[in-house]
Amino acid sequence: PHDRLIAATLDDLRSARKRFLAVCGVDRCDATHAALNAGLVTHLCVDHALARALLDC
């Protein structure tokens, strides 16, 4: 199952100029919030419900 896995290290992510994150669902609020706080995201696309949940974090 891992023969198609492509993974980047945290250092790889941090060194990229643009880091896009597309997320849907309030169940992903904690993980999305953590990624934002860690500085791993420069561009974010979320659904309305998750956007509201992130504002309330």
PDB file of N, CA and C in Angstrom:
ATOM      1  N   PRO A   1       0.806  -1.220   0.000  1.00  0.00           N
ATOM      2  CA  PRO A   1       0.000   0.000   0.000  1.00  0.00           C
ATOM      3  C   PRO A   1       0.840   1.271   0.000  1.00  0.00           C
ATOM      4  N   HIS A   2       2.087   1.193   0.425  1.00  0.00           N
ATOM      5  CA  HIS A   2       2.940   2.376   0.502  1.00  0.00           C
ATOM      6  C   HIS A   2       3.748   2.611  -0.762  1.00  0.00           C
ATOM      7  N   ASP A   3       3.557   1.780  -1.781  1.00  0.00           N
ATOM      8  CA  ASP A   3       4.345   1.945  -2.997  1.00  0.00           C
ATOM      9  C   ASP A   3       3.942   3.181  -3.788  1.00  0.00           C
ATOM     10  N   ARG A   4       2.808   3.771  -3.453  1.00  0.00           N
ATOM     11  CA  ARG A   4       2.356   4.986  -4.139  1.00  0.00           C
ATOM     12  C   ARG A   4       2.388   6.212  -3.237  1.00  0.00           C
ATOM     13  N   LEU A   5       2.969   6.073  -2.097  1.00  0.00           N
ATOM     14  CA  LEU A   5       3.022   7.160  -1.118  1.00  0.00           C
ATOM     15  C   LEU A   5       4.114   8.159  -1.477  1.00  0.00           C
ATOM     16  N   ILE A   6       3.745   9.416  -1.502  1.00  0.00           N
ATOM     17  CA  ILE A   6       4.706  10.499  -1.681  1.00  0.00           C
ATOM     18  C   ILE A   6       4.620  11.359  -0.430  1.00  0.00           C
ATOM     19  N   ALA A   7       5.733  11.516   0.247  1.00  0.00           N
ATOM     20  CA  ALA A   7       5.714  12.257   1.504  1.00  0.00           C
ATOM     21  C   ALA A   7       6.820  13.300   1.522  1.00  0.00           C
ATOM     22  N   ALA A   8       6.535  14.397   2.181  1.00  0.00           N
ATOM     23  CA  ALA A   8       7.518  15.466   2.357  1.00  0.00           C
ATOM     24  C   ALA A   8       7.827  15.587   3.841  1.00  0.00           C
ATOM     25  N   THR A   9       9.052  15.911   4.142  1.00  0.00           N
ATOM     26  CA  THR A   9       9.422  16.143   5.536  1.00  0.00           C
ATOM     27  C   THR A   9       8.926  17.526   5.956  1.00  0.00           C
ATOM     28  N   LEU A  10       8.903  17.778   7.251  1.00  0.00           N
ATOM     29  CA  LEU A  10       8.499  19.100   7.734  1.00  0.00           C
ATOM     30  C   LEU A  10       9.446  20.177   7.221  1.00  0.00           C
ATOM     31  N   ASP A  11      10.725  19.859   7.130  1.00  0.00           N
ATOM     32  CA  ASP A  11      11.685  20.829   6.587  1.00  0.00           C
ATOM     33  C   ASP A  11      11.388  21.129   5.122  1.00  0.00           C
ATOM     34  N   ASP A  12      11.005  20.096   4.357  1.00  0.00           N
ATOM     35  CA  ASP A  12      10.622  20.308   2.958  1.00  0.00           C
ATOM     36  C   ASP A  12       9.417  21.245   2.874  1.00  0.00           C
ATOM     37  N   LEU A  13       8.437  21.019   3.736  1.00  0.00           N
ATOM     38  CA  LEU A  13       7.239  21.863   3.727  1.00  0.00           C
ATOM     39  C   LEU A  13       7.580  23.307   4.085  1.00  0.00           C
ATOM     40  N   ARG A  14       8.377  23.476   5.103  1.00  0.00           N
ATOM     41  CA  ARG A  14       8.715  24.834   5.543  1.00  0.00           C
ATOM     42  C   ARG A  14       9.534  25.597   4.508  1.00  0.00           C
ATOM     43  N   SER A  15      10.307  24.886   3.706  1.00  0.00           N
ATOM     44  CA  SER A  15      11.153  25.570   2.724  1.00  0.00           C
ATOM     45  C   SER A  15      10.406  25.924   1.439  1.00  0.00           C
ATOM     46  N   ALA A  16       9.214  25.383   1.249  1.00  0.00           N
ATOM     47  CA  ALA A  16       8.427  25.704   0.054  1.00  0.00           C
ATOM     48  C   ALA A  16       7.849  27.113   0.191  1.00  0.00           C
ATOM     49  N   ARG A  17       7.894  27.894  -0.891  1.00  0.00           N
ATOM     50  CA  ARG A  17       7.366  29.264  -0.838  1.00  0.00           C
ATOM     51  C   ARG A  17       5.858  29.280  -0.676  1.00  0.00           C
ATOM     52  N   LYS A  18       5.161  28.412  -1.384  1.00  0.00           N
ATOM     53  CA  LYS A  18       3.703  28.349  -1.297  1.00  0.00           C
ATOM     54  C   LYS A  18       3.297  26.976  -0.788  1.00  0.00           C
ATOM     55  N   ARG A  19       2.477  26.983   0.259  1.00  0.00           N
ATOM     56  CA  ARG A  19       2.011  25.741   0.862  1.00  0.00           C
ATOM     57  C   ARG A  19       0.490  25.795   0.964  1.00  0.00           C
ATOM     58  N   PHE A  20      -0.176  25.053   0.092  1.00  0.00           N
ATOM     59  CA  PHE A  20      -1.627  25.050   0.007  1.00  0.00           C
ATOM     60  C   PHE A  20      -2.206  23.952   0.887  1.00  0.00           C
ATOM     61  N   LEU A  21      -3.309  24.273   1.556  1.00  0.00           N
ATOM     62  CA  LEU A  21      -4.032  23.279   2.337  1.00  0.00           C
ATOM     63  C   LEU A  21      -5.508  23.418   2.002  1.00  0.00           C
ATOM     64  N   ALA A  22      -6.113  22.346   1.532  1.00  0.00           N
ATOM     65  CA  ALA A  22      -7.550  22.309   1.250  1.00  0.00           C
ATOM     66  C   ALA A  22      -8.170  21.296   2.203  1.00  0.00           C
ATOM     67  N   VAL A  23      -9.145  21.750   2.991  1.00  0.00           N
ATOM     68  CA  VAL A  23      -9.723  20.907   4.030  1.00  0.00           C
ATOM     69  C   VAL A  23     -11.233  21.091   4.049  1.00  0.00           C
ATOM     70  N   CYS A  24     -11.939  20.011   4.331  1.00  0.00           N
ATOM     71  CA  CYS A  24     -13.397  20.064   4.426  1.00  0.00           C
ATOM     72  C   CYS A  24     -13.829  19.273   5.655  1.00  0.00           C
ATOM     73  N   GLY A  25     -14.662  19.876   6.475  1.00  0.00           N
ATOM     74  CA  GLY A  25     -15.225  19.177   7.623  1.00  0.00           C
ATOM     75  C   GLY A  25     -14.698  19.680   8.956  1.00  0.00           C
ATOM     76  N   VAL A  26     -15.627  19.940   9.880  1.00  0.00           N
ATOM     77  CA  VAL A  26     -15.245  20.463  11.191  1.00  0.00           C
ATOM     78  C   VAL A  26     -14.466  19.442  12.009  1.00  0.00           C
ATOM     79  N   ASP A  27     -14.554  18.167  11.652  1.00  0.00           N
ATOM     80  CA  ASP A  27     -13.796  17.147  12.368  1.00  0.00           C
ATOM     81  C   ASP A  27     -12.292  17.297  12.147  1.00  0.00           C
ATOM     82  N   ARG A  28     -11.904  18.106  11.189  1.00  0.00           N
ATOM     83  CA  ARG A  28     -10.486  18.350  10.913  1.00  0.00           C
ATOM     84  C   ARG A  28     -10.012  19.703  11.471  1.00  0.00           C
ATOM     85  N   CYS A  29     -10.811  20.295  12.330  1.00  0.00           N
ATOM     86  CA  CYS A  29     -10.501  21.622  12.868  1.00  0.00           C
ATOM     87  C   CYS A  29      -9.200  21.628  13.664  1.00  0.00           C
ATOM     88  N   ASP A  30      -9.033  20.680  14.559  1.00  0.00           N
ATOM     89  CA  ASP A  30      -7.830  20.671  15.399  1.00  0.00           C
ATOM     90  C   ASP A  30      -6.562  20.512  14.563  1.00  0.00           C
ATOM     91  N   ALA A  31      -6.581  19.600  13.600  1.00  0.00           N
ATOM     92  CA  ALA A  31      -5.403  19.374  12.756  1.00  0.00           C
ATOM     93  C   ALA A  31      -5.117  20.591  11.884  1.00  0.00           C
ATOM     94  N   THR A  32      -6.170  21.212  11.354  1.00  0.00           N
ATOM     95  CA  THR A  32      -5.998  22.401  10.520  1.00  0.00           C
ATOM     96  C   THR A  32      -5.440  23.546  11.352  1.00  0.00           C
ATOM     97  N   HIS A  33      -5.986  23.725  12.538  1.00  0.00           N
ATOM     98  CA  HIS A  33      -5.516  24.775  13.447  1.00  0.00           C
ATOM     99  C   HIS A  33      -4.045  24.558  13.799  1.00  0.00           C
ATOM    100  N   ALA A  34      -3.662  23.320  14.044  1.00  0.00           N
ATOM    101  CA  ALA A  34      -2.269  23.011  14.374  1.00  0.00           C
ATOM    102  C   ALA A  34      -1.345  23.322  13.201  1.00  0.00           C
ATOM    103  N   ALA A  35      -1.760  22.977  11.991  1.00  0.00           N
ATOM    104  CA  ALA A  35      -0.943  23.258  10.801  1.00  0.00           C
ATOM    105  C   ALA A  35      -0.776  24.759  10.603  1.00  0.00           C
ATOM    106  N   LEU A  36      -1.844  25.514  10.824  1.00  0.00           N
ATOM    107  CA  LEU A  36      -1.766  26.967  10.701  1.00  0.00           C
ATOM    108  C   LEU A  36      -0.829  27.556  11.755  1.00  0.00           C
ATOM    109  N   ASN A  37      -0.970  27.113  12.992  1.00  0.00           N
ATOM    110  CA  ASN A  37      -0.121  27.623  14.076  1.00  0.00           C
ATOM    111  C   ASN A  37       1.343  27.248  13.896  1.00  0.00           C
ATOM    112  N   ALA A  38       1.593  26.125  13.241  1.00  0.00           N
ATOM    113  CA  ALA A  38       2.971  25.682  13.016  1.00  0.00           C
ATOM    114  C   ALA A  38       3.620  26.398  11.837  1.00  0.00           C
ATOM    115  N   GLY A  39       2.850  27.221  11.135  1.00  0.00           N
ATOM    116  CA  GLY A  39       3.394  27.945   9.994  1.00  0.00           C
ATOM    117  C   GLY A  39       3.586  27.086   8.764  1.00  0.00           C
ATOM    118  N   LEU A  40       2.837  25.997   8.665  1.00  0.00           N
ATOM    119  CA  LEU A  40       2.988  25.077   7.537  1.00  0.00           C
ATOM    120  C   LEU A  40       2.126  25.451   6.343  1.00  0.00           C
ATOM    121  N   VAL A  41       1.280  26.472   6.486  1.00  0.00           N
ATOM    122  CA  VAL A  41       0.310  26.805   5.444  1.00  0.00           C
ATOM    123  C   VAL A  41       0.436  28.275   5.053  1.00  0.00           C
ATOM    124  N   THR A  42       0.470  28.539   3.749  1.00  0.00           N
ATOM    125  CA  THR A  42       0.437  29.923   3.269  1.00  0.00           C
ATOM    126  C   THR A  42      -0.883  30.241   2.581  1.00  0.00           C
ATOM    127  N   HIS A  43      -1.561  29.224   2.074  1.00  0.00           N
ATOM    128  CA  HIS A  43      -2.836  29.403   1.381  1.00  0.00           C
ATOM    129  C   HIS A  43      -3.809  28.343   1.889  1.00  0.00           C
ATOM    130  N   LEU A  44      -5.001  28.785   2.264  1.00  0.00           N
ATOM    131  CA  LEU A  44      -5.966  27.887   2.886  1.00  0.00           C
ATOM    132  C   LEU A  44      -7.299  27.935   2.153  1.00  0.00           C
ATOM    133  N   CYS A  45      -7.876  26.768   1.922  1.00  0.00           N
ATOM    134  CA  CYS A  45      -9.206  26.655   1.325  1.00  0.00           C
ATOM    135  C   CYS A  45     -10.016  25.700   2.201  1.00  0.00           C
ATOM    136  N   VAL A  46     -11.101  26.211   2.801  1.00  0.00           N
ATOM    137  CA  VAL A  46     -11.930  25.392   3.690  1.00  0.00           C
ATOM    138  C   VAL A  46     -13.399  25.617   3.382  1.00  0.00           C
ATOM    139  N   ASP A  47     -14.238  24.706   3.860  1.00  0.00           N
ATOM    140  CA  ASP A  47     -15.673  24.900   3.704  1.00  0.00           C
ATOM    141  C   ASP A  47     -16.172  25.867   4.782  1.00  0.00           C
ATOM    142  N   HIS A  48     -17.414  26.307   4.632  1.00  0.00           N
ATOM    143  CA  HIS A  48     -17.983  27.318   5.523  1.00  0.00           C
ATOM    144  C   HIS A  48     -17.997  26.856   6.977  1.00  0.00           C
ATOM    145  N   ALA A  49     -18.391  25.619   7.206  1.00  0.00           N
ATOM    146  CA  ALA A  49     -18.484  25.116   8.577  1.00  0.00           C
ATOM    147  C   ALA A  49     -17.113  25.085   9.253  1.00  0.00           C
ATOM    148  N   LEU A  50     -16.102  24.659   8.533  1.00  0.00           N
ATOM    149  CA  LEU A  50     -14.755  24.624   9.104  1.00  0.00           C
ATOM    150  C   LEU A  50     -14.220  26.033   9.320  1.00  0.00           C
ATOM    151  N   ALA A  51     -14.526  26.935   8.423  1.00  0.00           N
ATOM    152  CA  ALA A  51     -14.098  28.327   8.597  1.00  0.00           C
ATOM    153  C   ALA A  51     -14.662  28.890   9.895  1.00  0.00           C
ATOM    154  N   ARG A  52     -15.938  28.641  10.149  1.00  0.00           N
ATOM    155  CA  ARG A  52     -16.566  29.108  11.395  1.00  0.00           C
ATOM    156  C   ARG A  52     -15.901  28.468  12.610  1.00  0.00           C
ATOM    157  N   ALA A  53     -15.648  27.164  12.523  1.00  0.00           N
ATOM    158  CA  ALA A  53     -15.026  26.455  13.640  1.00  0.00           C
ATOM    159  C   ALA A  53     -13.622  26.994  13.910  1.00  0.00           C
ATOM    160  N   LEU A  54     -12.872  27.300  12.862  1.00  0.00           N
ATOM    161  CA  LEU A  54     -11.525  27.842  13.044  1.00  0.00           C
ATOM    162  C   LEU A  54     -11.563  29.216  13.699  1.00  0.00           C
ATOM    163  N   LEU A  55     -12.575  30.012  13.390  1.00  0.00           N
ATOM    164  CA  LEU A  55     -12.707  31.328  14.015  1.00  0.00           C
ATOM    165  C   LEU A  55     -12.993  31.211  15.508  1.00  0.00           C
ATOM    166  N   ASP A  56     -13.635  30.118  15.906  1.00  0.00           N
ATOM    167  CA  ASP A  56     -13.995  29.914  17.307  1.00  0.00           C
ATOM    168  C   ASP A  56     -12.904  29.216  18.110  1.00  0.00           C
ATOM    169  N   CYS A  57     -11.838  28.777  17.475  1.00  0.00           N
ATOM    170  CA  CYS A  57     -10.744  28.059  18.187  1.00  0.00           C
ATOM    171  C   CYS A  57      -9.999  29.009  19.097  1.00  0.00           C
TER     172      CYS A  57
END
